[in-house]
């Protein structure tokens, strides 16, 4: 879908960009990637040390043999680790299909693909804008904080332009567009 098809009549694009897909996925699922890496590491260590142990014959039907516990940790660690990596790949794919736009009237976050999603926030409704500089990777420009589970990640997260290059310049552009919106109107929505 082109940027022009997302615009209302008389609306113009002030800035458009895409998130850095790798950093987007890391920001949305850092904790899950950490757990998946730990589980996969433990599974690999157990496989290297023990191999894939055969199930021992049960001497006592009510007792659990230690080899069965090792095998359970191997299989569960591998399964959950692979699921964590697949979820991070899903987030990477979502980032590749996402476009951010700042227009003369609103900010738009448009994600195409399997589960399309479009978020459109009028400039006069943006009460919270935060520039988040990062030590590693590109910065974020956050418009609101939400706590929600979704296919884009769980937990408290900022809704906005995530993992964009030159985020400080984009934040200044958003603030200038908001100021321009209120300067051209005689009355704002909160007055």
N, C-alpha and C. Protein backbone atom coordinates (compact mmCIF):
# COMPACT_ATOMS: atom_id res chain seq x y z
N UNK A 1 0.85 -1.16 0.00
CA UNK A 1 0.00 0.00 0.00
C UNK A 1 0.90 1.23 0.00
N UNK A 2 0.59 2.18 -0.85
CA UNK A 2 1.43 3.37 -0.95
C UNK A 2 1.06 4.39 0.13
N UNK A 3 2.00 5.29 0.38
CA UNK A 3 1.77 6.33 1.39
C UNK A 3 0.61 7.23 0.97
N UNK A 4 0.51 7.52 -0.31
CA UNK A 4 -0.55 8.42 -0.80
C UNK A 4 -1.94 7.85 -0.52
N UNK A 5 -2.08 6.53 -0.56
CA UNK A 5 -3.40 5.93 -0.33
C UNK A 5 -3.83 6.04 1.14
N UNK A 6 -2.88 6.29 2.04
CA UNK A 6 -3.20 6.42 3.46
C UNK A 6 -3.58 7.85 3.85
N UNK A 7 -3.39 8.80 2.94
CA UNK A 7 -3.60 10.21 3.27
C UNK A 7 -5.03 10.64 3.01
N UNK A 8 -5.49 11.58 3.84
CA UNK A 8 -6.78 12.21 3.63
C UNK A 8 -6.59 13.36 2.64
N UNK A 9 -7.67 13.85 2.03
CA UNK A 9 -7.53 15.00 1.12
C UNK A 9 -6.93 16.21 1.85
N UNK A 10 -5.95 16.84 1.23
CA UNK A 10 -5.30 18.01 1.80
C UNK A 10 -4.21 17.71 2.81
N UNK A 11 -3.96 16.46 3.07
CA UNK A 11 -2.94 16.06 4.04
C UNK A 11 -1.62 15.82 3.31
N UNK A 12 -0.53 16.21 3.93
CA UNK A 12 0.78 15.99 3.30
C UNK A 12 1.71 15.27 4.27
N UNK A 13 2.63 14.49 3.70
CA UNK A 13 3.59 13.73 4.48
C UNK A 13 4.77 14.64 4.84
N UNK A 14 5.06 14.76 6.14
CA UNK A 14 6.20 15.55 6.61
C UNK A 14 7.44 14.67 6.79
N UNK A 15 7.22 13.41 7.19
CA UNK A 15 8.31 12.45 7.38
C UNK A 15 7.75 11.05 7.24
N UNK A 16 8.55 10.17 6.69
CA UNK A 16 8.18 8.78 6.56
C UNK A 16 9.42 7.92 6.76
N UNK A 17 9.27 6.79 7.41
CA UNK A 17 10.40 5.91 7.63
C UNK A 17 9.96 4.53 8.07
N UNK A 18 10.96 3.67 8.24
CA UNK A 18 10.72 2.30 8.67
C UNK A 18 11.59 2.01 9.89
N UNK A 19 11.14 1.09 10.74
CA UNK A 19 11.99 0.71 11.88
C UNK A 19 13.14 -0.17 11.42
N UNK A 20 14.21 -0.17 12.20
CA UNK A 20 15.28 -1.13 11.99
C UNK A 20 14.74 -2.45 12.53
N UNK A 21 14.55 -3.42 11.65
CA UNK A 21 13.84 -4.65 12.00
C UNK A 21 14.51 -5.43 13.13
N UNK A 22 15.82 -5.54 13.11
CA UNK A 22 16.52 -6.30 14.15
C UNK A 22 16.31 -5.65 15.51
N UNK A 23 16.51 -4.33 15.60
CA UNK A 23 16.36 -3.64 16.88
C UNK A 23 14.90 -3.60 17.33
N UNK A 24 13.97 -3.52 16.40
CA UNK A 24 12.56 -3.57 16.74
C UNK A 24 12.23 -4.89 17.44
N UNK A 25 12.69 -6.01 16.87
CA UNK A 25 12.43 -7.32 17.46
C UNK A 25 13.10 -7.45 18.82
N UNK A 26 14.31 -6.94 18.95
CA UNK A 26 15.01 -7.01 20.23
C UNK A 26 14.28 -6.19 21.28
N UNK A 27 13.80 -4.99 20.92
CA UNK A 27 13.11 -4.14 21.90
C UNK A 27 11.79 -4.75 22.36
N UNK A 28 11.08 -5.39 21.45
CA UNK A 28 9.78 -5.95 21.80
C UNK A 28 9.88 -7.25 22.59
N UNK A 29 10.97 -8.01 22.40
CA UNK A 29 11.04 -9.34 23.01
C UNK A 29 12.40 -9.62 23.63
N UNK A 30 13.04 -8.64 24.24
CA UNK A 30 14.38 -8.85 24.80
C UNK A 30 14.37 -9.90 25.89
N UNK A 31 13.36 -9.86 26.74
CA UNK A 31 13.31 -10.81 27.85
C UNK A 31 13.05 -12.22 27.34
N UNK A 32 12.21 -12.36 26.32
CA UNK A 32 11.93 -13.67 25.76
C UNK A 32 13.16 -14.23 25.05
N UNK A 33 13.90 -13.38 24.36
CA UNK A 33 15.14 -13.82 23.71
C UNK A 33 16.17 -14.25 24.75
N UNK A 34 16.20 -13.56 25.87
CA UNK A 34 17.13 -13.92 26.95
C UNK A 34 16.79 -15.29 27.51
N UNK A 35 15.52 -15.53 27.78
CA UNK A 35 15.08 -16.83 28.31
C UNK A 35 15.30 -17.93 27.27
N UNK A 36 14.96 -17.65 26.00
CA UNK A 36 15.14 -18.64 24.94
C UNK A 36 16.61 -19.00 24.78
N UNK A 37 17.49 -18.01 24.85
CA UNK A 37 18.93 -18.28 24.75
C UNK A 37 19.40 -19.13 25.92
N UNK A 38 18.94 -18.82 27.12
CA UNK A 38 19.34 -19.61 28.30
C UNK A 38 18.84 -21.04 28.18
N UNK A 39 17.58 -21.21 27.76
CA UNK A 39 17.03 -22.57 27.63
C UNK A 39 17.77 -23.37 26.56
N UNK A 40 18.04 -22.73 25.43
CA UNK A 40 18.76 -23.44 24.37
C UNK A 40 20.19 -23.79 24.81
N UNK A 41 20.82 -22.89 25.55
CA UNK A 41 22.18 -23.16 26.05
C UNK A 41 22.19 -24.34 27.01
N UNK A 42 21.25 -24.36 27.94
CA UNK A 42 21.17 -25.48 28.89
C UNK A 42 20.88 -26.78 28.14
N UNK A 43 20.00 -26.73 27.16
CA UNK A 43 19.68 -27.94 26.39
C UNK A 43 20.90 -28.45 25.64
N UNK A 44 21.64 -27.55 25.01
CA UNK A 44 22.84 -27.95 24.27
C UNK A 44 23.88 -28.55 25.23
N UNK A 45 24.07 -27.92 26.38
CA UNK A 45 25.02 -28.45 27.37
C UNK A 45 24.60 -29.85 27.83
N UNK A 46 23.31 -30.03 28.09
CA UNK A 46 22.83 -31.36 28.49
C UNK A 46 23.00 -32.38 27.37
N UNK A 47 22.73 -31.97 26.13
CA UNK A 47 22.91 -32.89 25.01
C UNK A 47 24.38 -33.26 24.83
N UNK A 48 25.28 -32.28 24.98
CA UNK A 48 26.71 -32.55 24.82
C UNK A 48 27.21 -33.46 25.94
N UNK A 49 26.75 -33.19 27.15
CA UNK A 49 27.24 -33.96 28.30
C UNK A 49 26.63 -35.37 28.36
N UNK A 50 25.33 -35.47 28.17
CA UNK A 50 24.65 -36.75 28.33
C UNK A 50 24.28 -37.42 27.01
N UNK A 51 24.29 -36.68 25.93
CA UNK A 51 23.73 -37.21 24.69
C UNK A 51 22.22 -37.28 24.84
N UNK A 52 21.58 -38.10 24.07
CA UNK A 52 20.14 -38.30 24.25
C UNK A 52 19.98 -39.63 24.98
N UNK A 53 19.81 -39.55 26.31
CA UNK A 53 19.74 -40.79 27.08
C UNK A 53 18.49 -41.59 26.74
N UNK A 54 18.69 -42.89 26.68
CA UNK A 54 17.55 -43.78 26.45
C UNK A 54 16.73 -43.85 27.73
N UNK A 55 15.47 -44.09 27.58
CA UNK A 55 14.62 -44.23 28.76
C UNK A 55 14.98 -45.51 29.48
N UNK A 56 15.32 -45.42 30.76
CA UNK A 56 15.68 -46.63 31.51
C UNK A 56 14.44 -47.45 31.85
N UNK A 57 14.61 -48.73 32.02
CA UNK A 57 13.45 -49.54 32.43
C UNK A 57 13.06 -49.16 33.86
N UNK A 58 11.81 -48.98 34.11
CA UNK A 58 11.40 -48.59 35.45
C UNK A 58 11.58 -49.73 36.45
N UNK A 59 12.43 -49.50 37.45
CA UNK A 59 12.61 -50.49 38.50
C UNK A 59 11.44 -50.40 39.47
N UNK A 60 11.09 -49.21 39.81
CA UNK A 60 9.96 -48.96 40.69
C UNK A 60 8.99 -48.07 39.93
N UNK A 61 7.78 -48.50 39.62
CA UNK A 61 6.86 -47.70 38.82
C UNK A 61 6.52 -46.34 39.43
N UNK A 62 6.66 -46.19 40.74
CA UNK A 62 6.32 -44.91 41.37
C UNK A 62 7.50 -43.94 41.40
N UNK A 63 8.70 -44.38 41.06
CA UNK A 63 9.90 -43.53 41.11
C UNK A 63 10.22 -42.98 39.72
N UNK A 64 10.76 -41.77 39.70
CA UNK A 64 11.20 -41.15 38.45
C UNK A 64 12.72 -41.27 38.40
N UNK A 65 13.19 -41.83 37.33
CA UNK A 65 14.63 -42.03 37.16
C UNK A 65 15.28 -40.68 36.79
N UNK A 66 16.49 -40.38 37.30
CA UNK A 66 17.15 -39.10 37.00
C UNK A 66 17.38 -38.87 35.51
N UNK A 67 17.58 -39.95 34.76
CA UNK A 67 17.77 -39.80 33.31
C UNK A 67 16.50 -39.25 32.66
N UNK A 68 15.35 -39.63 33.16
CA UNK A 68 14.09 -39.11 32.61
C UNK A 68 13.97 -37.61 32.86
N UNK A 69 14.46 -37.14 33.99
CA UNK A 69 14.42 -35.71 34.30
C UNK A 69 15.35 -34.94 33.36
N UNK A 70 16.55 -35.49 33.13
CA UNK A 70 17.49 -34.85 32.20
C UNK A 70 16.88 -34.78 30.81
N UNK A 71 16.28 -35.86 30.37
CA UNK A 71 15.66 -35.89 29.04
C UNK A 71 14.51 -34.89 28.95
N UNK A 72 13.72 -34.76 30.01
CA UNK A 72 12.62 -33.80 30.03
C UNK A 72 13.16 -32.37 29.90
N UNK A 73 14.23 -32.03 30.64
CA UNK A 73 14.82 -30.70 30.53
C UNK A 73 15.38 -30.44 29.14
N UNK A 74 15.96 -31.45 28.55
CA UNK A 74 16.49 -31.30 27.19
C UNK A 74 15.37 -30.96 26.21
N UNK A 75 14.32 -31.72 26.26
CA UNK A 75 13.22 -31.54 25.30
C UNK A 75 12.44 -30.24 25.55
N UNK A 76 12.17 -29.95 26.81
CA UNK A 76 11.44 -28.71 27.12
C UNK A 76 12.28 -27.49 26.80
N UNK A 77 13.55 -27.52 27.16
CA UNK A 77 14.43 -26.39 26.86
C UNK A 77 14.54 -26.13 25.37
N UNK A 78 14.69 -27.20 24.61
CA UNK A 78 14.77 -27.05 23.17
C UNK A 78 13.46 -26.50 22.60
N UNK A 79 12.34 -27.05 23.04
CA UNK A 79 11.03 -26.61 22.54
C UNK A 79 10.74 -25.15 22.84
N UNK A 80 10.89 -24.76 24.10
CA UNK A 80 10.62 -23.37 24.48
C UNK A 80 11.64 -22.41 23.86
N UNK A 81 12.89 -22.84 23.77
CA UNK A 81 13.91 -22.00 23.14
C UNK A 81 13.60 -21.74 21.68
N UNK A 82 13.20 -22.76 20.97
CA UNK A 82 12.85 -22.60 19.55
C UNK A 82 11.62 -21.71 19.40
N UNK A 83 10.63 -21.87 20.27
CA UNK A 83 9.44 -21.00 20.22
C UNK A 83 9.82 -19.54 20.46
N UNK A 84 10.73 -19.28 21.39
CA UNK A 84 11.18 -17.91 21.63
C UNK A 84 11.86 -17.30 20.42
N UNK A 85 12.69 -18.09 19.76
CA UNK A 85 13.38 -17.60 18.56
C UNK A 85 12.38 -17.36 17.44
N UNK A 86 11.39 -18.25 17.29
CA UNK A 86 10.37 -18.06 16.26
C UNK A 86 9.54 -16.80 16.52
N UNK A 87 9.25 -16.52 17.79
CA UNK A 87 8.51 -15.30 18.11
C UNK A 87 9.32 -14.06 17.75
N UNK A 88 10.63 -14.08 18.02
CA UNK A 88 11.48 -12.95 17.64
C UNK A 88 11.52 -12.79 16.12
N UNK A 89 11.52 -13.90 15.40
CA UNK A 89 11.47 -13.82 13.93
C UNK A 89 10.15 -13.23 13.45
N UNK A 90 9.05 -13.57 14.14
CA UNK A 90 7.74 -12.99 13.82
C UNK A 90 7.78 -11.46 13.99
N UNK A 91 8.37 -11.01 15.09
CA UNK A 91 8.48 -9.57 15.32
C UNK A 91 9.36 -8.90 14.27
N UNK A 92 10.43 -9.56 13.87
CA UNK A 92 11.29 -9.03 12.81
C UNK A 92 10.50 -8.88 11.52
N UNK A 93 9.70 -9.89 11.18
CA UNK A 93 8.88 -9.83 9.97
C UNK A 93 7.86 -8.69 10.06
N UNK A 94 7.26 -8.49 11.22
CA UNK A 94 6.31 -7.38 11.40
C UNK A 94 7.00 -6.04 11.20
N UNK A 95 8.24 -5.92 11.69
CA UNK A 95 8.98 -4.67 11.54
C UNK A 95 9.32 -4.39 10.08
N UNK A 96 9.65 -5.43 9.35
CA UNK A 96 9.97 -5.26 7.92
C UNK A 96 8.75 -4.73 7.17
N UNK A 97 7.56 -5.08 7.62
CA UNK A 97 6.32 -4.68 6.94
C UNK A 97 5.69 -3.42 7.52
N UNK A 98 6.39 -2.73 8.43
CA UNK A 98 5.84 -1.55 9.09
C UNK A 98 6.39 -0.27 8.47
N UNK A 99 5.49 0.71 8.32
CA UNK A 99 5.87 2.04 7.85
C UNK A 99 5.36 3.07 8.85
N UNK A 100 6.22 4.03 9.19
CA UNK A 100 5.84 5.14 10.07
C UNK A 100 5.68 6.39 9.22
N UNK A 101 4.66 7.18 9.53
CA UNK A 101 4.45 8.45 8.82
C UNK A 101 4.06 9.55 9.79
N UNK A 102 4.62 10.71 9.57
CA UNK A 102 4.19 11.93 10.23
C UNK A 102 3.60 12.79 9.14
N UNK A 103 2.33 13.13 9.28
CA UNK A 103 1.67 13.97 8.28
C UNK A 103 1.36 15.32 8.92
N UNK A 104 0.76 16.17 8.14
CA UNK A 104 0.40 17.50 8.64
C UNK A 104 -0.75 17.43 9.65
N UNK A 105 -1.41 16.28 9.79
CA UNK A 105 -2.55 16.15 10.70
C UNK A 105 -2.42 15.06 11.75
N UNK A 106 -1.57 14.05 11.50
CA UNK A 106 -1.54 12.89 12.39
C UNK A 106 -0.25 12.12 12.25
N UNK A 107 -0.06 11.16 13.16
CA UNK A 107 1.01 10.17 13.01
C UNK A 107 0.34 8.84 12.68
N UNK A 108 0.98 8.09 11.80
CA UNK A 108 0.41 6.83 11.32
C UNK A 108 1.46 5.74 11.47
N UNK A 109 1.04 4.62 12.05
CA UNK A 109 1.87 3.42 12.11
C UNK A 109 1.11 2.36 11.34
N UNK A 110 1.64 1.97 10.19
CA UNK A 110 0.95 1.05 9.30
C UNK A 110 1.76 -0.22 9.14
N UNK A 111 1.14 -1.36 9.47
CA UNK A 111 1.79 -2.65 9.32
C UNK A 111 0.97 -3.48 8.34
N UNK A 112 1.60 -3.89 7.26
CA UNK A 112 0.94 -4.72 6.25
C UNK A 112 1.22 -6.18 6.58
N UNK A 113 0.81 -7.07 5.70
CA UNK A 113 1.16 -8.48 5.88
C UNK A 113 -0.01 -9.33 6.32
N UNK A 114 0.32 -10.41 7.03
CA UNK A 114 -0.66 -11.41 7.42
C UNK A 114 -1.76 -10.84 8.32
N UNK A 115 -1.39 -10.10 9.33
CA UNK A 115 -2.35 -9.45 10.23
C UNK A 115 -2.16 -7.94 10.14
N UNK A 116 -2.73 -7.29 9.12
CA UNK A 116 -2.49 -5.86 8.97
C UNK A 116 -3.04 -5.06 10.14
N UNK A 117 -2.35 -3.96 10.43
CA UNK A 117 -2.74 -3.10 11.55
C UNK A 117 -2.37 -1.67 11.19
N UNK A 118 -3.26 -0.73 11.47
CA UNK A 118 -2.96 0.67 11.26
C UNK A 118 -3.38 1.45 12.49
N UNK A 119 -2.45 2.21 13.04
CA UNK A 119 -2.73 3.10 14.15
C UNK A 119 -2.58 4.53 13.65
N UNK A 120 -3.59 5.34 13.87
CA UNK A 120 -3.57 6.73 13.43
C UNK A 120 -3.94 7.61 14.62
N UNK A 121 -3.02 8.52 14.97
CA UNK A 121 -3.26 9.40 16.11
C UNK A 121 -3.23 10.86 15.64
N UNK A 122 -4.32 11.59 15.78
CA UNK A 122 -4.30 13.01 15.40
C UNK A 122 -3.28 13.77 16.24
N UNK A 123 -2.62 14.72 15.63
CA UNK A 123 -1.57 15.48 16.32
C UNK A 123 -2.09 16.19 17.56
N UNK A 124 -3.31 16.70 17.49
CA UNK A 124 -3.83 17.43 18.65
C UNK A 124 -4.16 16.52 19.82
N UNK A 125 -4.15 15.20 19.62
CA UNK A 125 -4.40 14.26 20.71
C UNK A 125 -3.13 13.70 21.32
N UNK A 126 -2.00 14.06 20.79
CA UNK A 126 -0.72 13.59 21.34
C UNK A 126 -0.35 14.46 22.53
N UNK A 127 -0.55 13.93 23.72
CA UNK A 127 -0.25 14.68 24.95
C UNK A 127 1.09 14.28 25.54
N UNK A 128 1.63 13.18 25.09
CA UNK A 128 2.85 12.63 25.66
C UNK A 128 3.78 12.27 24.50
N UNK A 129 4.95 12.87 24.46
CA UNK A 129 5.95 12.54 23.45
C UNK A 129 7.27 12.39 24.19
N UNK A 130 7.89 11.25 24.01
CA UNK A 130 9.15 11.00 24.69
C UNK A 130 10.17 10.48 23.69
N UNK A 131 11.32 11.11 23.68
CA UNK A 131 12.44 10.63 22.89
C UNK A 131 13.26 9.71 23.78
N UNK A 132 13.48 8.48 23.33
CA UNK A 132 14.27 7.52 24.10
C UNK A 132 15.54 7.20 23.33
N UNK A 133 16.62 7.74 23.82
CA UNK A 133 17.93 7.46 23.24
C UNK A 133 18.40 6.10 23.74
N UNK A 134 19.04 5.35 22.90
CA UNK A 134 19.52 4.03 23.28
C UNK A 134 21.03 3.97 23.16
N UNK A 135 21.67 3.25 24.06
CA UNK A 135 23.11 3.05 24.00
C UNK A 135 23.45 2.21 22.77
N UNK A 136 22.68 1.17 22.57
CA UNK A 136 22.87 0.31 21.40
C UNK A 136 21.67 0.46 20.48
N UNK A 137 21.91 0.70 19.23
CA UNK A 137 20.84 0.76 18.25
C UNK A 137 20.18 2.11 18.16
N UNK A 138 19.24 2.23 17.24
CA UNK A 138 18.54 3.49 17.03
C UNK A 138 17.57 3.81 18.17
N UNK A 139 17.16 5.07 18.24
CA UNK A 139 16.28 5.53 19.31
C UNK A 139 14.81 5.33 18.99
N UNK A 140 13.96 5.73 19.95
CA UNK A 140 12.51 5.62 19.83
C UNK A 140 11.88 6.98 20.07
N UNK A 141 10.74 7.21 19.44
CA UNK A 141 9.89 8.36 19.74
C UNK A 141 8.55 7.76 20.16
N UNK A 142 8.23 7.87 21.46
CA UNK A 142 7.06 7.21 22.03
C UNK A 142 5.96 8.24 22.26
N UNK A 143 4.74 7.88 21.87
CA UNK A 143 3.59 8.78 22.01
C UNK A 143 2.71 8.42 23.18
N UNK A 144 2.64 7.16 23.55
CA UNK A 144 1.90 6.76 24.74
C UNK A 144 2.43 5.43 25.22
N UNK A 145 2.18 5.16 26.49
CA UNK A 145 2.59 3.90 27.10
C UNK A 145 1.35 3.06 27.30
N UNK A 146 1.44 1.79 26.93
CA UNK A 146 0.33 0.89 27.14
C UNK A 146 0.85 -0.39 27.78
N UNK A 147 -0.02 -1.06 28.48
CA UNK A 147 0.28 -2.36 29.04
C UNK A 147 -0.70 -3.32 28.42
N UNK A 148 -0.21 -4.14 27.48
CA UNK A 148 -1.14 -5.03 26.81
C UNK A 148 -0.41 -6.20 26.17
N UNK A 149 -1.08 -7.33 26.12
CA UNK A 149 -0.52 -8.44 25.35
C UNK A 149 -0.97 -8.30 23.90
N UNK A 150 -0.10 -8.57 22.98
CA UNK A 150 -0.45 -8.57 21.56
C UNK A 150 0.57 -9.41 20.82
N UNK A 151 0.37 -9.57 19.54
CA UNK A 151 1.32 -10.32 18.74
C UNK A 151 2.61 -9.54 18.52
N UNK A 152 2.62 -8.27 18.90
CA UNK A 152 3.82 -7.46 18.77
C UNK A 152 4.64 -7.42 20.05
N UNK A 153 4.26 -8.15 21.06
CA UNK A 153 5.03 -8.19 22.31
C UNK A 153 4.13 -8.06 23.52
N UNK A 154 4.63 -8.50 24.66
CA UNK A 154 3.89 -8.43 25.92
C UNK A 154 4.53 -7.42 26.84
N UNK A 155 3.74 -6.89 27.74
CA UNK A 155 4.27 -6.02 28.78
C UNK A 155 4.09 -4.55 28.46
N UNK A 156 4.64 -3.73 29.34
CA UNK A 156 4.56 -2.28 29.17
C UNK A 156 5.44 -1.88 28.01
N UNK A 157 4.86 -1.16 27.09
CA UNK A 157 5.64 -0.77 25.93
C UNK A 157 5.12 0.54 25.38
N UNK A 158 5.99 1.20 24.68
CA UNK A 158 5.61 2.46 24.09
C UNK A 158 5.04 2.27 22.71
N UNK A 159 3.99 3.00 22.42
CA UNK A 159 3.43 3.01 21.09
C UNK A 159 3.99 4.24 20.39
N UNK A 160 4.61 4.05 19.27
CA UNK A 160 5.20 5.17 18.56
C UNK A 160 6.13 4.70 17.47
N UNK A 161 7.10 5.52 17.17
CA UNK A 161 8.09 5.20 16.15
C UNK A 161 9.26 4.51 16.87
N UNK A 162 9.29 3.20 16.81
CA UNK A 162 10.26 2.39 17.55
C UNK A 162 11.43 2.03 16.63
N UNK A 163 12.64 2.17 17.15
CA UNK A 163 13.88 1.75 16.46
C UNK A 163 14.05 2.47 15.13
N UNK A 164 14.00 3.81 15.17
CA UNK A 164 14.19 4.58 13.94
C UNK A 164 15.52 5.33 13.98
N UNK A 165 16.16 5.46 12.84
CA UNK A 165 17.38 6.26 12.80
C UNK A 165 17.04 7.74 12.97
N UNK A 166 17.93 8.48 13.60
CA UNK A 166 17.78 9.92 13.82
C UNK A 166 16.47 10.26 14.54
N UNK A 167 16.23 9.54 15.63
CA UNK A 167 14.99 9.70 16.38
C UNK A 167 14.86 11.09 17.00
N UNK A 168 15.96 11.72 17.38
CA UNK A 168 15.85 13.05 17.99
C UNK A 168 15.33 14.07 16.98
N UNK A 169 15.74 13.96 15.73
CA UNK A 169 15.25 14.88 14.69
C UNK A 169 13.76 14.64 14.43
N UNK A 170 13.36 13.36 14.42
CA UNK A 170 11.95 13.03 14.20
C UNK A 170 11.09 13.55 15.35
N UNK A 171 11.60 13.43 16.57
CA UNK A 171 10.86 13.95 17.73
C UNK A 171 10.65 15.46 17.61
N UNK A 172 11.68 16.17 17.18
CA UNK A 172 11.55 17.62 16.96
C UNK A 172 10.54 17.94 15.86
N UNK A 173 10.52 17.11 14.81
CA UNK A 173 9.55 17.31 13.73
C UNK A 173 8.13 17.09 14.23
N UNK A 174 7.93 16.08 15.09
CA UNK A 174 6.59 15.82 15.65
C UNK A 174 6.15 16.99 16.51
N UNK A 175 7.05 17.49 17.36
CA UNK A 175 6.70 18.64 18.21
C UNK A 175 6.39 19.88 17.37
N UNK A 176 7.17 20.11 16.32
CA UNK A 176 6.92 21.26 15.44
C UNK A 176 5.57 21.11 14.72
N UNK A 177 5.24 19.90 14.30
CA UNK A 177 3.95 19.67 13.63
C UNK A 177 2.79 19.90 14.60
N UNK A 178 2.96 19.52 15.85
CA UNK A 178 1.91 19.77 16.86
C UNK A 178 1.75 21.27 17.08
N UNK A 179 2.87 21.97 17.24
CA UNK A 179 2.82 23.43 17.41
C UNK A 179 2.14 24.09 16.22
N UNK A 180 2.45 23.64 15.03
CA UNK A 180 1.82 24.20 13.83
C UNK A 180 0.33 23.92 13.81
N UNK A 181 -0.07 22.74 14.28
CA UNK A 181 -1.49 22.39 14.34
C UNK A 181 -2.24 23.35 15.25
N UNK A 182 -1.67 23.64 16.43
CA UNK A 182 -2.35 24.54 17.36
C UNK A 182 -2.23 26.00 16.93
N UNK A 183 -1.19 26.34 16.20
CA UNK A 183 -1.04 27.72 15.75
C UNK A 183 -2.05 28.08 14.67
N UNK A 184 -2.47 27.09 13.89
CA UNK A 184 -3.41 27.37 12.81
C UNK A 184 -4.86 27.24 13.23
N UNK A 185 -5.11 26.86 14.48
CA UNK A 185 -6.48 26.75 14.98
C UNK A 185 -6.71 27.80 16.05
N UNK A 186 -7.94 28.24 16.14
CA UNK A 186 -8.25 29.25 17.15
C UNK A 186 -8.44 28.61 18.52
N UNK A 187 -8.71 27.33 18.55
CA UNK A 187 -8.98 26.65 19.80
C UNK A 187 -8.54 25.20 19.71
N UNK A 188 -7.84 24.70 20.72
CA UNK A 188 -7.39 23.31 20.74
C UNK A 188 -8.42 22.41 21.39
N UNK A 189 -8.23 21.11 21.32
CA UNK A 189 -9.24 20.18 21.85
C UNK A 189 -9.35 20.19 23.36
N UNK A 190 -8.34 20.75 24.08
CA UNK A 190 -8.38 20.72 25.54
C UNK A 190 -8.74 22.09 26.11
N UNK A 191 -9.06 23.04 25.27
CA UNK A 191 -9.35 24.40 25.76
C UNK A 191 -10.83 24.63 25.89
